[in-house]
Amino acid sequence: MYVSMTGFSRSQLQTRWGTLSLELSSVNHRYQEISVRLPREFGGWEPWFHQKLRKLFRRGKLQLRMEVLWAQAFKTGRLNKDVLLSYCGELTKVRRELGLSLNVNVEEVAAFPGVLDLPRFDEEEDQRNLESLFESLLADCAASWQKMRETEGGHLREELMTHLAELERLTAEIEEKWLPTRDAAFAAMKTRVGEMLEKIGEKLEEQRYMQEIVLLSDKWDVAEELARLRSHTAKFRATGDEAESSGRKLDFIIQEMNREVNTLDSKIADAGIRWLAVEAKACIERIREQIQNLE
């Protein structure tokens, strides 16, 4: 299954105390990274959201952002007169000791912590209600986010399959050209060795000659590399069709494919085939770039 690491969704929920908005946005990242930004009133829920989000994906950088548009009754808050008077009394006392004017700006003091009571959800029943609301909102937002990622993953799959088909074509062409090239190289080598021995009046024993041929064939033969490359390509297709997104597995497979092409390129001397190997490496690099976007 191909799932992109990039996605975005936004959901809203109406409550008696206002409109609750939740955003999920994700981008590429090598590991799983989660960032949660909540209103001050819900700051204690951050670990809860982290726990829920960890189960939604395996790698990528995911940010959750919540905003609240408070209803008018909650937005204005309630003035705690006792706390306000306490602040003013302490400030007046300090200003008297410092020999300053005793005038205290009440509006400024109203911004001090605890003076203005904002909505609080400390009761057990409030906590249960909030959890139910957060569960519903997060589930809706996560479903939209996942759908977007799967849609983008489908587009990535189409592009990857195009590059993979091109790699398979290049592999078949390399094999088609390599077999006659190998036989011609062996025949040419045999002729050159024979001519050199005739010039110096020596004769190479047939058994010794065959040993040299075997040694050289091991250095030139790329049949194993081609076979492994085809095997890796088939594994790539099968892994991509698994039920879960396998971006990390595909990344490992593409590394093995690149290793086989590099080995093949180092063994073959034919210029035409080496250019095909270069094209194959460029094709693998294009596949690798797209895999970096997959979860």
Protein backbone atom coordinates (compact mmCIF):
# COMPACT_ATOMS: atom_id res chain seq x y z
CA MET A 1 0.00 0.00 0.00
CA TYR A 2 1.31 3.41 -0.94
CA VAL A 3 0.62 6.15 1.63
CA SER A 4 2.21 9.58 1.38
CA MET A 5 3.68 11.21 4.46
CA THR A 6 2.21 14.55 3.34
CA GLY A 7 -1.36 15.35 4.33
CA PHE A 8 -3.68 17.97 5.78
CA SER A 9 -7.18 18.04 7.27
CA ARG A 10 -9.36 20.33 9.36
CA SER A 11 -12.49 19.54 11.38
CA GLN A 12 -14.83 21.59 13.54
CA LEU A 13 -17.26 20.79 16.32
CA GLN A 14 -19.91 23.00 17.91
CA THR A 15 -20.20 22.85 21.71
CA ARG A 16 -22.10 24.82 24.34
CA TRP A 17 -18.96 26.76 25.17
CA GLY A 18 -17.87 27.55 21.60
CA THR A 19 -16.51 26.21 18.32
CA LEU A 20 -13.67 23.71 18.55
CA SER A 21 -11.36 23.47 15.51
CA LEU A 22 -8.70 20.83 14.95
CA GLU A 23 -6.00 20.72 12.26
CA LEU A 24 -3.70 17.86 11.31
CA SER A 25 -0.79 18.49 8.95
CA SER A 26 2.14 16.22 8.13
CA VAL A 27 5.30 16.38 6.05
CA ASN A 28 8.19 14.05 5.24
CA HIS A 29 10.50 12.98 8.03
CA ARG A 30 12.82 10.04 8.53
CA TYR A 31 11.32 9.13 11.89
CA GLN A 32 8.04 9.66 13.73
CA GLU A 33 7.79 13.15 15.18
CA ILE A 34 4.68 14.64 16.79
CA SER A 35 3.94 18.23 17.74
CA VAL A 36 0.77 19.20 19.65
CA ARG A 37 -0.39 22.80 20.10
CA LEU A 38 -3.44 23.25 22.33
CA PRO A 39 -5.24 26.24 23.87
CA ARG A 40 -4.08 27.08 27.37
CA GLU A 41 -7.32 25.77 28.84
CA PHE A 42 -6.62 22.28 27.44
CA GLY A 43 -2.86 22.16 28.03
CA GLY A 44 -3.16 19.10 30.29
CA TRP A 45 -4.51 17.03 27.39
CA GLU A 46 -1.26 17.08 25.42
CA PRO A 47 -0.08 13.58 26.55
CA TRP A 48 -3.52 12.19 25.65
CA PHE A 49 -3.23 13.52 22.10
CA HIS A 50 0.34 12.26 21.77
CA GLN A 51 -0.78 8.76 22.72
CA LYS A 52 -3.59 8.82 20.16
CA LEU A 53 -1.47 10.24 17.34
CA ARG A 54 1.35 7.72 17.75
CA LYS A 55 -1.04 4.98 16.64
CA LEU A 56 -2.05 6.76 13.43
CA PHE A 57 1.22 6.56 11.49
CA ARG A 58 4.74 5.14 11.55
CA ARG A 59 6.98 7.87 10.18
CA GLY A 60 6.68 11.52 9.22
CA LYS A 61 6.39 14.84 11.03
CA LEU A 62 2.83 15.39 12.25
CA GLN A 63 1.49 18.56 13.84
CA LEU A 64 -1.84 18.85 15.64
CA ARG A 65 -3.22 22.32 16.25
CA MET A 66 -6.40 23.12 18.17
CA GLU A 67 -8.22 26.44 18.37
CA VAL A 68 -11.33 27.48 20.29
CA LEU A 69 -13.74 30.27 19.39
CA TRP A 70 -15.34 30.77 22.78
CA ALA A 71 -19.00 31.56 23.16
CA GLN A 72 -19.65 35.06 24.50
CA ALA A 73 -20.51 33.85 27.99
CA PHE A 74 -17.17 32.04 28.26
CA LYS A 75 -15.15 34.58 26.29
CA THR A 76 -15.65 37.44 28.75
CA GLY A 77 -14.61 35.34 31.72
CA ARG A 78 -15.36 36.20 35.35
CA LEU A 79 -13.49 38.75 37.44
CA ASN A 80 -12.16 37.35 40.71
CA LYS A 81 -12.48 40.38 42.97
CA ASP A 82 -10.71 38.81 45.93
CA VAL A 83 -7.59 38.12 43.87
CA LEU A 84 -7.75 41.59 42.30
CA LEU A 85 -8.00 43.31 45.69
CA SER A 86 -5.17 41.19 47.03
CA TYR A 87 -2.90 42.24 44.13
CA CYS A 88 -3.83 45.90 44.55
CA GLY A 89 -3.20 45.78 48.29
CA GLU A 90 0.24 44.23 47.85
CA LEU A 91 1.17 46.70 45.11
CA THR A 92 0.03 49.64 47.24
CA LYS A 93 2.13 48.38 50.14
CA VAL A 94 5.24 47.99 47.99
CA ARG A 95 4.79 51.43 46.38
CA ARG A 96 4.45 53.02 49.86
CA GLU A 97 7.67 51.36 51.04
CA LEU A 98 9.46 52.60 47.93
CA GLY A 99 8.11 56.10 48.31
CA LEU A 100 6.19 55.96 45.05
CA SER A 101 2.74 57.20 44.15
CA LEU A 102 0.03 55.00 45.63
CA ASN A 103 -2.02 55.01 42.41
CA VAL A 104 -2.43 51.47 41.06
CA ASN A 105 -3.66 50.83 37.49
CA VAL A 106 -6.52 48.37 38.02
CA GLU A 107 -6.76 47.52 34.29
CA GLU A 108 -3.14 46.36 34.28
CA VAL A 109 -3.65 44.34 37.45
CA ALA A 110 -6.65 42.62 35.83
CA ALA A 111 -4.21 40.93 33.41
CA PHE A 112 -2.32 39.29 36.30
CA PRO A 113 -2.65 35.49 36.69
CA GLY A 114 -5.81 34.39 38.47
CA VAL A 115 -7.65 37.72 38.29
CA LEU A 116 -9.77 36.78 35.29
CA ASP A 117 -11.26 33.31 35.52
CA LEU A 118 -11.33 31.72 32.07
CA PRO A 119 -13.26 28.52 31.31
CA ARG A 120 -12.08 25.57 33.37
CA PHE A 121 -12.91 21.90 33.01
CA ASP A 122 -11.75 20.44 36.28
CA GLU A 123 -14.79 18.41 37.22
CA GLU A 124 -14.77 14.68 36.50
CA GLU A 125 -17.91 14.96 34.41
CA ASP A 126 -16.34 17.77 32.38
CA GLN A 127 -13.29 15.63 31.77
CA ARG A 128 -15.40 12.74 30.50
CA ASN A 129 -17.35 15.03 28.21
CA LEU A 130 -14.17 16.57 26.86
CA GLU A 131 -12.64 13.18 26.15
CA SER A 132 -15.72 12.16 24.21
CA LEU A 133 -15.62 15.40 22.21
CA PHE A 134 -11.90 15.10 21.52
CA GLU A 135 -12.30 11.46 20.46
CA SER A 136 -15.02 12.37 17.97
CA LEU A 137 -13.20 15.40 16.60
CA LEU A 138 -9.86 13.62 16.27
CA ALA A 139 -11.42 10.57 14.58
CA ASP A 140 -13.12 12.76 11.97
CA CYS A 141 -10.00 14.82 11.34
CA ALA A 142 -7.72 11.76 11.19
CA ALA A 143 -10.00 10.03 8.67
CA SER A 144 -9.81 13.01 6.30
CA TRP A 145 -6.07 13.28 6.81
CA GLN A 146 -5.55 9.58 6.05
CA LYS A 147 -7.74 9.75 2.95
CA MET A 148 -5.66 12.62 1.58
CA ARG A 149 -2.44 10.71 2.26
CA GLU A 150 -3.76 7.60 0.51
CA THR A 151 -4.87 9.66 -2.50
CA GLU A 152 -1.43 11.23 -2.76
CA GLY A 153 0.11 7.78 -2.29
CA GLY A 154 -1.89 6.54 -5.29
CA HIS A 155 -0.36 9.25 -7.45
CA LEU A 156 3.11 8.32 -6.20
CA ARG A 157 2.43 4.66 -7.02
CA GLU A 158 1.60 5.51 -10.64
CA GLU A 159 4.85 7.41 -11.04
CA LEU A 160 6.88 4.70 -9.30
CA MET A 161 5.43 1.96 -11.50
CA THR A 162 6.37 3.98 -14.58
CA HIS A 163 9.99 4.23 -13.43
CA LEU A 164 10.03 0.57 -12.37
CA ALA A 165 8.79 -0.54 -15.80
CA GLU A 166 11.57 1.50 -17.38
CA LEU A 167 14.12 -0.18 -15.10
CA GLU A 168 12.80 -3.60 -16.12
CA ARG A 169 13.13 -2.64 -19.78
CA LEU A 170 16.73 -1.52 -19.27
CA THR A 171 17.54 -4.74 -17.40
CA ALA A 172 16.16 -6.85 -20.26
CA GLU A 173 18.10 -4.81 -22.83
CA ILE A 174 21.34 -5.16 -20.87
CA GLU A 175 20.87 -8.93 -20.70
CA GLU A 176 20.02 -9.14 -24.39
CA LYS A 177 23.19 -7.27 -25.38
CA TRP A 178 25.45 -8.81 -22.77
CA LEU A 179 25.17 -12.48 -23.89
CA PRO A 180 26.58 -12.01 -27.42
CA THR A 181 29.06 -9.44 -26.10
CA ARG A 182 30.34 -11.95 -23.54
CA ASP A 183 30.77 -14.72 -26.13
CA ALA A 184 32.51 -12.35 -28.52
CA ALA A 185 34.84 -11.18 -25.74
CA PHE A 186 35.80 -14.76 -24.86
CA ALA A 187 36.46 -15.62 -28.53
CA ALA A 188 38.56 -12.50 -29.03
CA MET A 189 40.55 -13.26 -25.90
CA LYS A 190 41.21 -16.80 -27.06
CA THR A 191 42.43 -15.58 -30.43
CA ARG A 192 44.72 -12.95 -28.91
CA VAL A 193 46.24 -15.39 -26.43
CA GLY A 194 46.84 -17.92 -29.22
CA GLU A 195 48.53 -15.33 -31.45
CA MET A 196 50.80 -14.16 -28.64
CA LEU A 197 51.87 -17.70 -27.78
CA GLU A 198 52.62 -18.47 -31.42
CA LYS A 199 54.90 -15.44 -31.63
CA ILE A 200 56.97 -16.56 -28.68
CA GLY A 201 56.88 -20.20 -29.72
CA GLU A 202 55.02 -21.43 -26.67
CA LYS A 203 51.93 -23.58 -26.36
CA LEU A 204 49.43 -23.30 -23.55
CA GLU A 205 48.03 -26.53 -22.22
CA GLU A 206 44.31 -26.96 -22.79
CA GLN A 207 43.59 -27.54 -19.11
CA ARG A 208 45.48 -24.42 -18.08
CA TYR A 209 43.73 -22.47 -20.80
CA MET A 210 40.33 -23.55 -19.53
CA GLN A 211 41.24 -22.52 -15.99
CA GLU A 212 42.06 -19.02 -17.18
CA ILE A 213 38.77 -18.88 -19.09
CA VAL A 214 36.86 -19.81 -15.94
CA LEU A 215 38.64 -17.14 -13.90
CA LEU A 216 37.93 -14.48 -16.48
CA SER A 217 34.31 -15.55 -16.86
CA ASP A 218 33.81 -15.05 -13.12
CA LYS A 219 35.04 -11.49 -13.48
CA TRP A 220 32.95 -10.74 -16.56
CA ASP A 221 29.81 -12.75 -15.86
CA VAL A 222 26.88 -10.59 -14.69
CA ALA A 223 24.19 -13.28 -14.82
CA GLU A 224 23.89 -13.30 -11.03
CA GLU A 225 23.59 -9.52 -10.85
CA LEU A 226 20.87 -9.52 -13.50
CA ALA A 227 19.00 -12.34 -11.74
CA ARG A 228 19.15 -10.55 -8.38
CA LEU A 229 18.06 -7.29 -10.00
CA ARG A 230 14.98 -8.99 -11.44
CA SER A 231 14.30 -10.59 -8.05
CA HIS A 232 14.55 -7.23 -6.27
CA THR A 233 12.20 -5.68 -8.81
CA ALA A 234 9.60 -8.38 -8.20
CA LYS A 235 10.02 -7.95 -4.43
CA PHE A 236 9.55 -4.20 -4.85
CA ARG A 237 6.18 -4.75 -6.55
CA ALA A 238 5.04 -7.29 -3.95
CA THR A 239 6.06 -5.09 -1.02
CA GLY A 240 4.20 -2.11 -2.43
CA ASP A 241 1.01 -4.19 -2.61
CA GLU A 242 1.08 -5.16 1.08
CA ALA A 243 -1.75 -4.05 3.35
CA GLU A 244 0.41 -1.49 5.18
CA SER A 245 2.50 1.29 3.77
CA SER A 246 6.08 0.06 3.29
CA GLY A 247 8.14 3.10 2.41
CA ARG A 248 11.03 2.07 4.65
CA LYS A 249 11.11 -1.47 3.18
CA LEU A 250 11.04 -0.10 -0.34
CA ASP A 251 13.96 2.15 0.54
CA PHE A 252 16.03 -0.88 1.59
CA ILE A 253 15.08 -2.77 -1.57
CA ILE A 254 16.07 0.12 -3.82
CA GLN A 255 19.48 0.23 -2.10
CA GLU A 256 20.02 -3.42 -3.04
CA MET A 257 18.94 -2.74 -6.62
CA ASN A 258 21.42 0.11 -6.86
CA ARG A 259 24.18 -2.14 -5.51
CA GLU A 260 23.54 -4.75 -8.22
CA VAL A 261 23.61 -2.16 -11.01
CA ASN A 262 26.87 -0.70 -9.69
CA THR A 263 28.48 -4.16 -9.61
CA LEU A 264 27.22 -4.90 -13.10
CA ASP A 265 28.59 -1.61 -14.39
CA SER A 266 32.04 -2.34 -12.94
CA LYS A 267 32.23 -5.78 -14.60
CA ILE A 268 31.21 -4.89 -18.16
CA ALA A 269 33.62 -3.15 -20.51
CA ASP A 270 31.26 -2.69 -23.45
CA ALA A 271 30.50 1.04 -23.84
CA GLY A 272 26.93 0.55 -25.05
CA ILE A 273 25.99 -1.65 -22.10
CA ARG A 274 27.67 0.66 -19.63
CA TRP A 275 25.52 3.54 -20.89
CA LEU A 276 22.47 1.38 -20.27
CA ALA A 277 23.73 0.78 -16.73
CA VAL A 278 24.06 4.55 -16.25
CA GLU A 279 20.45 4.99 -17.39
CA ALA A 280 19.40 2.24 -14.98
CA LYS A 281 21.13 4.02 -12.09
CA ALA A 282 19.40 7.29 -13.02
CA CYS A 283 16.07 5.44 -13.07
CA ILE A 284 16.75 3.96 -9.63
CA GLU A 285 17.57 7.41 -8.29
CA ARG A 286 14.22 8.74 -9.55
CA ILE A 287 12.49 5.87 -7.74
CA ARG A 288 14.46 6.61 -4.57
CA GLU A 289 13.36 10.26 -4.64
CA GLN A 290 9.71 9.28 -4.75
CA ILE A 291 10.07 6.66 -2.02
CA GLN A 292 11.23 9.38 0.38
CA ASN A 293 7.63 10.70 0.27
CA LEU A 294 6.11 7.39 1.40
CA GLU A 295 5.32 6.41 4.96
